[in-house]
Amino acid sequence: MWQPGGQHALKKQECALLVRSAVAVVCAVLGVGALSGCGDAKVVAEVGRGKVRQGEVELWRQEWSAGKRPTPEEALEGVVERELLAEEARRVGLEEEEGVRARLAAVRREVLARALVEKRMEEATGEGALRKRYEARKEALGRKQVHVRHILVRVPPEGDAQGRARAQSRINELYARLRGGEAFEKVAKEGSEDRVSGEKGGELGVVQEGQVDGGFFREAQGLKRGEVSKPFQTPYGLHLVQAVEEAQVVVPSFEEVRGKLAAEARREGEGRLVEELRESIGVKKYPERLRAVAAGGRKSEADAGEGK
């Protein structure tokens, strides 16, 4: 059995292998193999009644990371092994079992649904469409950021009233030193309980909205260059913040948000497509049957419990 990197590598690919196995069974159920003959150049192996085609081998190869990707011959062996298992499953009638039929239907449905969405979304996710979306949303994509230093005093948990009072007294003392004219970097090095930033004079660098606690960012963004905040509290403790530079809005480049824009376009397009299909394809739902199935399942569980 071909296993790059041994069992560890195989375990990392477990979900992908299960999907590939199910897809192979679906192809057989749909009669893909029957459409292929030994003279078909795209058929690269025959396993019982099943046929393995070039596309299946390439799909197998692409599921592996670049550093562990098998050769075409190794991939072929991998697909053949899965097809052997699928062929035996068909021989013993597993594809007729309700659970297996449900899983095969689910795989087939998902493959077809994804194929349709990808085909319909080609235009919406093309270069031109995404650039138009970027220009239309450029301002909304902008994020505030501010370059800051901070001083942290940790606060004991609720119930330790004396410890919390000491922490408040400590941050007030540090604030008083700053108000008295001492350099923020000096006070941070001597008094901040965030030792990583404290050793650098409280330097946190540039922080963006959404990357840090909301309360922290609200205090920081309102400061002018060089201004120091009053003491305030977040879930992390008590803080003093100094703005090294005033807050500014930074708009990401098209390339930075291209993936996000494409995902939004696909999500919106798929939603519209589903609504259109609801109008053109008849849908009938029988929710009462689901309740009956659920009730039957609970009864079976109860019966099993009594038998223990």
Protein backbone atom coordinates (compact mmCIF):
# COMPACT_ATOMS: atom_id res chain seq x y z
CA MET A 1 0.00 0.00 0.00
CA TRP A 2 1.43 3.39 -0.97
CA GLN A 3 1.70 5.62 2.12
CA PRO A 4 4.01 8.68 1.86
CA GLY A 5 5.40 9.41 5.30
CA GLY A 6 3.80 6.33 6.88
CA GLN A 7 0.69 6.20 9.01
CA HIS A 8 1.05 9.80 10.20
CA ALA A 9 0.75 11.15 6.68
CA LEU A 10 -2.14 8.80 5.96
CA LYS A 11 -4.05 9.98 9.05
CA LYS A 12 -3.67 13.59 7.95
CA GLN A 13 -5.39 12.66 4.70
CA GLU A 14 -8.13 10.52 6.29
CA CYS A 15 -11.04 12.81 5.45
CA ALA A 16 -9.84 13.32 1.89
CA LEU A 17 -9.45 9.57 1.43
CA LEU A 18 -12.99 8.92 2.64
CA VAL A 19 -14.38 11.48 0.20
CA ARG A 20 -12.36 10.05 -2.69
CA SER A 21 -13.56 6.56 -1.83
CA ALA A 22 -17.18 7.69 -1.77
CA VAL A 23 -16.78 9.55 -5.07
CA ALA A 24 -15.34 6.40 -6.62
CA VAL A 25 -18.40 4.43 -5.51
CA VAL A 26 -20.69 7.15 -6.84
CA CYS A 27 -18.98 7.01 -10.22
CA ALA A 28 -19.52 3.26 -10.32
CA VAL A 29 -23.18 3.55 -9.32
CA LEU A 30 -23.73 6.12 -12.06
CA GLY A 31 -22.24 3.73 -14.55
CA VAL A 32 -19.17 5.79 -15.38
CA GLY A 33 -17.10 2.64 -15.67
CA ALA A 34 -19.57 1.07 -18.06
CA LEU A 35 -19.13 3.96 -20.46
CA SER A 36 -15.43 3.29 -20.71
CA GLY A 37 -13.81 0.55 -22.70
CA CYS A 38 -10.33 -0.88 -22.64
CA GLY A 39 -9.67 1.12 -25.80
CA ASP A 40 -10.42 4.44 -24.11
CA ALA A 41 -7.09 6.24 -23.64
CA LYS A 42 -8.45 7.96 -20.53
CA VAL A 43 -8.98 4.63 -18.78
CA VAL A 44 -5.77 3.85 -16.90
CA ALA A 45 -6.91 0.76 -14.97
CA GLU A 46 -9.73 -1.78 -14.82
CA VAL A 47 -10.71 -3.23 -11.46
CA GLY A 48 -13.46 -5.81 -11.77
CA ARG A 49 -16.39 -3.99 -13.35
CA GLY A 50 -14.95 -0.60 -12.47
CA LYS A 51 -12.74 1.64 -14.56
CA VAL A 52 -10.19 4.14 -13.27
CA ARG A 53 -9.78 7.25 -15.41
CA GLN A 54 -6.96 9.78 -15.66
CA GLY A 55 -9.00 12.48 -13.96
CA GLU A 56 -9.46 10.35 -10.84
CA VAL A 57 -5.72 9.78 -10.57
CA GLU A 58 -4.97 13.49 -10.95
CA LEU A 59 -7.61 14.34 -8.33
CA TRP A 60 -5.91 11.91 -5.94
CA ARG A 61 -2.52 13.54 -6.57
CA GLN A 62 -3.82 17.07 -5.98
CA GLU A 63 -5.19 16.12 -2.55
CA TRP A 64 -1.63 15.72 -1.22
CA SER A 65 0.61 18.62 -0.22
CA ALA A 66 3.26 19.58 -2.77
CA GLY A 67 6.09 18.06 -0.73
CA LYS A 68 4.34 14.69 -0.40
CA ARG A 69 2.51 14.55 -3.71
CA PRO A 70 2.80 11.07 -5.24
CA THR A 71 3.96 10.34 -8.74
CA PRO A 72 1.23 9.44 -11.26
CA GLU A 73 2.13 5.76 -10.89
CA GLU A 74 1.92 5.91 -7.10
CA ALA A 75 -1.38 7.77 -7.29
CA LEU A 76 -2.73 5.16 -9.68
CA GLU A 77 -1.90 2.44 -7.17
CA GLY A 78 -3.66 4.40 -4.45
CA VAL A 79 -6.82 4.79 -6.53
CA VAL A 80 -6.73 1.11 -7.52
CA GLU A 81 -6.61 0.11 -3.84
CA ARG A 82 -9.70 2.22 -3.10
CA GLU A 83 -11.45 0.83 -6.19
CA LEU A 84 -10.73 -2.72 -5.00
CA LEU A 85 -12.52 -1.92 -1.75
CA ALA A 86 -15.40 -0.26 -3.61
CA GLU A 87 -15.71 -3.24 -5.96
CA GLU A 88 -15.94 -5.63 -3.04
CA ALA A 89 -18.53 -3.36 -1.38
CA ARG A 90 -20.65 -3.58 -4.53
CA ARG A 91 -20.17 -7.35 -4.74
CA VAL A 92 -21.49 -7.93 -1.22
CA GLY A 93 -24.39 -5.53 -1.74
CA LEU A 94 -23.33 -2.71 0.57
CA GLU A 95 -24.47 -0.05 -1.88
CA GLU A 96 -28.04 -1.20 -1.30
CA GLU A 97 -27.90 -0.57 2.44
CA GLU A 98 -29.88 2.50 3.48
CA GLY A 99 -27.00 4.19 5.30
CA VAL A 100 -24.58 3.67 2.41
CA ARG A 101 -27.16 4.84 -0.14
CA ALA A 102 -27.71 8.00 1.91
CA ARG A 103 -23.98 8.75 2.01
CA LEU A 104 -23.58 8.10 -1.71
CA ALA A 105 -26.50 10.42 -2.44
CA ALA A 106 -24.98 13.09 -0.18
CA VAL A 107 -21.61 12.89 -1.96
CA ARG A 108 -23.21 12.99 -5.40
CA ARG A 109 -25.43 15.91 -4.42
CA GLU A 110 -22.51 17.90 -3.01
CA VAL A 111 -20.25 17.27 -6.02
CA LEU A 112 -22.97 18.38 -8.44
CA ALA A 113 -23.93 21.40 -6.32
CA ARG A 114 -20.33 22.59 -6.10
CA ALA A 115 -19.79 22.07 -9.81
CA LEU A 116 -22.85 24.20 -10.62
CA VAL A 117 -21.87 26.97 -8.20
CA GLU A 118 -18.32 27.08 -9.56
CA LYS A 119 -19.57 27.25 -13.14
CA ARG A 120 -22.14 29.96 -12.44
CA MET A 121 -19.75 31.99 -10.30
CA GLU A 122 -16.94 32.13 -12.86
CA GLU A 123 -17.96 35.58 -14.06
CA ALA A 124 -18.76 36.97 -10.60
CA THR A 125 -15.35 35.92 -9.26
CA GLY A 126 -13.36 36.95 -12.34
CA GLU A 127 -10.67 39.62 -12.26
CA GLY A 128 -12.85 42.39 -13.64
CA ALA A 129 -15.82 41.72 -11.36
CA LEU A 130 -13.64 41.53 -8.27
CA ARG A 131 -11.89 44.80 -9.09
CA LYS A 132 -15.26 46.52 -9.51
CA ARG A 133 -16.33 45.13 -6.14
CA TYR A 134 -13.09 46.38 -4.62
CA GLU A 135 -13.56 49.91 -5.92
CA ALA A 136 -17.17 50.00 -4.73
CA ARG A 137 -16.24 48.78 -1.25
CA LYS A 138 -12.84 50.38 -0.83
CA GLU A 139 -13.90 52.74 1.95
CA ALA A 140 -15.77 50.02 3.85
CA LEU A 141 -12.71 47.77 3.61
CA GLY A 142 -10.56 50.37 5.35
CA ARG A 143 -9.47 49.64 8.91
CA LYS A 144 -8.30 52.04 11.58
CA GLN A 145 -4.89 51.47 13.05
CA VAL A 146 -2.76 53.24 15.62
CA HIS A 147 0.83 52.93 16.78
CA VAL A 148 0.89 52.66 20.59
CA ARG A 149 2.86 51.98 23.74
CA HIS A 150 1.16 50.65 26.85
CA ILE A 151 1.62 49.89 30.53
CA LEU A 152 -0.24 46.98 32.10
CA VAL A 153 -1.08 46.22 35.71
CA ARG A 154 -2.81 42.89 36.18
CA VAL A 155 -5.99 42.77 38.28
CA PRO A 156 -6.72 39.90 40.70
CA PRO A 157 -10.00 38.01 40.25
CA GLU A 158 -13.30 39.06 41.79
CA GLY A 159 -13.33 38.40 45.52
CA ASP A 160 -9.81 39.68 46.17
CA ALA A 161 -10.85 43.20 47.12
CA GLN A 162 -7.50 44.10 48.65
CA GLY A 163 -5.56 42.86 45.63
CA ARG A 164 -7.81 44.80 43.26
CA ALA A 165 -7.38 47.93 45.36
CA ARG A 166 -3.59 47.52 45.25
CA ALA A 167 -3.71 47.16 41.47
CA GLN A 168 -5.76 50.35 41.14
CA SER A 169 -3.37 52.17 43.45
CA ARG A 170 -0.42 50.90 41.40
CA ILE A 171 -1.80 52.11 38.05
CA ASN A 172 -2.64 55.49 39.62
CA GLU A 173 0.96 55.84 40.86
CA LEU A 174 2.32 55.08 37.37
CA TYR A 175 -0.12 57.56 35.83
CA ALA A 176 1.00 60.21 38.31
CA ARG A 177 4.63 59.66 37.26
CA LEU A 178 3.68 60.19 33.63
CA ARG A 179 1.72 63.31 34.51
CA GLY A 180 4.79 64.51 36.39
CA GLY A 181 6.84 64.42 33.18
CA GLU A 182 8.64 61.09 33.28
CA ALA A 183 9.17 59.41 29.94
CA PHE A 184 6.60 56.75 29.06
CA GLU A 185 9.34 54.31 28.07
CA LYS A 186 11.07 54.63 31.46
CA VAL A 187 7.85 54.15 33.43
CA ALA A 188 6.86 51.18 31.28
CA LYS A 189 10.20 49.44 31.78
CA GLU A 190 10.03 49.89 35.54
CA GLY A 191 6.32 49.38 36.18
CA SER A 192 4.54 47.44 33.43
CA GLU A 193 3.57 43.86 34.23
CA ASP A 194 3.61 43.02 30.52
CA ARG A 195 7.28 42.12 30.58
CA VAL A 196 7.61 41.55 26.83
CA SER A 197 6.48 45.04 25.83
CA GLY A 198 7.74 46.56 29.08
CA GLU A 199 11.33 45.71 28.23
CA LYS A 200 10.83 47.68 25.00
CA GLY A 201 9.44 50.72 26.76
CA GLY A 202 5.85 49.56 26.39
CA GLU A 203 6.12 49.33 22.59
CA LEU A 204 3.21 47.40 21.03
CA GLY A 205 3.70 48.59 17.47
CA VAL A 206 0.79 49.21 15.14
CA VAL A 207 -2.49 47.64 16.25
CA GLN A 208 -5.52 47.42 14.00
CA GLU A 209 -9.19 47.61 14.86
CA GLY A 210 -10.44 44.10 15.48
CA GLN A 211 -7.01 42.73 16.37
CA VAL A 212 -7.09 43.83 20.01
CA ASP A 213 -9.71 44.23 22.71
CA GLY A 214 -12.42 46.66 21.60
CA GLY A 215 -12.18 48.79 24.74
CA PHE A 216 -8.41 49.04 24.38
CA PHE A 217 -8.68 50.20 20.77
CA ARG A 218 -11.38 52.76 21.53
CA GLU A 219 -9.12 54.40 24.11
CA ALA A 220 -6.09 54.29 21.82
CA GLN A 221 -7.74 55.64 18.68
CA GLY A 222 -8.93 58.79 20.43
CA LEU A 223 -5.45 59.93 21.45
CA LYS A 224 -3.38 62.56 19.73
CA ARG A 225 0.27 61.96 18.95
CA GLY A 226 2.22 61.63 22.20
CA GLU A 227 -0.93 61.84 24.35
CA VAL A 228 -1.38 59.41 27.26
CA SER A 229 -4.73 57.96 28.27
CA LYS A 230 -6.14 57.93 31.76
CA PRO A 231 -6.11 54.51 33.46
CA PHE A 232 -8.76 52.14 32.05
CA GLN A 233 -9.61 48.49 32.44
CA THR A 234 -10.04 45.61 29.99
CA PRO A 235 -10.37 41.86 30.63
CA TYR A 236 -6.54 41.76 30.63
CA GLY A 237 -6.02 44.28 33.41
CA LEU A 238 -5.52 48.02 33.95
CA HIS A 239 -3.83 50.00 31.19
CA LEU A 240 -2.15 53.26 30.33
CA VAL A 241 -1.74 53.89 26.60
CA GLN A 242 0.33 56.39 24.67
CA ALA A 243 -0.23 57.11 20.98
CA VAL A 244 3.10 57.13 19.15
CA GLU A 245 1.20 58.26 16.04
CA GLU A 246 -2.42 59.32 15.66
CA ALA A 247 -4.91 56.77 14.41
CA GLN A 248 -5.38 56.54 10.66
CA VAL A 249 -7.53 54.55 8.25
CA VAL A 250 -5.58 52.17 6.04
CA VAL A 251 -7.19 50.70 2.95
CA PRO A 252 -5.82 47.25 2.02
CA SER A 253 -4.62 46.62 -1.49
CA PHE A 254 -6.73 44.63 -3.94
CA GLU A 255 -4.42 41.64 -3.64
CA GLU A 256 -4.68 41.65 0.16
CA VAL A 257 -8.48 41.31 0.08
CA ARG A 258 -8.95 39.46 -3.18
CA GLY A 259 -9.75 36.17 -1.42
CA LYS A 260 -12.24 37.87 0.89
CA LEU A 261 -13.97 39.60 -2.03
CA ALA A 262 -14.17 36.35 -4.00
CA ALA A 263 -15.69 34.53 -1.01
CA GLU A 264 -18.28 37.28 -0.59
CA ALA A 265 -19.13 37.18 -4.29
CA ARG A 266 -19.57 33.39 -4.22
CA ARG A 267 -21.71 33.52 -1.09
CA GLU A 268 -23.97 36.25 -2.47
CA GLY A 269 -24.16 34.64 -5.91
CA GLU A 270 -24.99 31.23 -4.48
CA GLY A 271 -27.75 32.77 -2.38
CA ARG A 272 -29.30 34.43 -5.44
CA LEU A 273 -28.95 31.24 -7.46
CA VAL A 274 -30.77 29.18 -4.83
CA GLU A 275 -33.63 31.69 -4.73
CA GLU A 276 -33.90 31.62 -8.53
CA LEU A 277 -33.97 27.82 -8.52
CA ARG A 278 -36.72 27.79 -5.91
CA GLU A 279 -38.86 29.63 -8.44
CA SER A 280 -38.08 27.32 -11.36
CA ILE A 281 -37.78 23.90 -9.69
CA GLY A 282 -40.62 22.38 -7.71
CA VAL A 283 -39.90 21.69 -4.04
CA LYS A 284 -42.11 19.70 -1.69
CA LYS A 285 -41.10 19.09 1.90
CA TYR A 286 -42.60 16.59 4.35
CA PRO A 287 -41.37 17.69 7.80
CA GLU A 288 -43.88 15.45 9.57
CA ARG A 289 -41.98 12.44 8.23
CA LEU A 290 -38.82 13.70 9.88
CA ARG A 291 -40.64 13.82 13.21
CA ALA A 292 -41.81 10.26 12.71
CA VAL A 293 -38.26 9.11 11.98
CA ALA A 294 -36.94 10.95 15.05
CA ALA A 295 -39.62 9.40 17.25
CA GLY A 296 -38.73 5.95 15.95
CA GLY A 297 -35.08 6.57 16.69
CA ARG A 298 -35.79 7.61 20.27
CA LYS A 299 -37.94 4.50 20.80
CA SER A 300 -35.13 2.28 19.52
CA GLU A 301 -32.68 3.94 21.91
CA ALA A 302 -35.08 3.49 24.82
CA ASP A 303 -35.59 -0.18 23.98
CA ALA A 304 -31.84 -0.69 23.78
CA GLY A 305 -31.43 0.97 27.16
CA GLU A 306 -33.98 -1.31 28.78
CA GLY A 307 -32.23 -4.36 27.39
CA LYS A 308 -28.97 -3.51 29.15
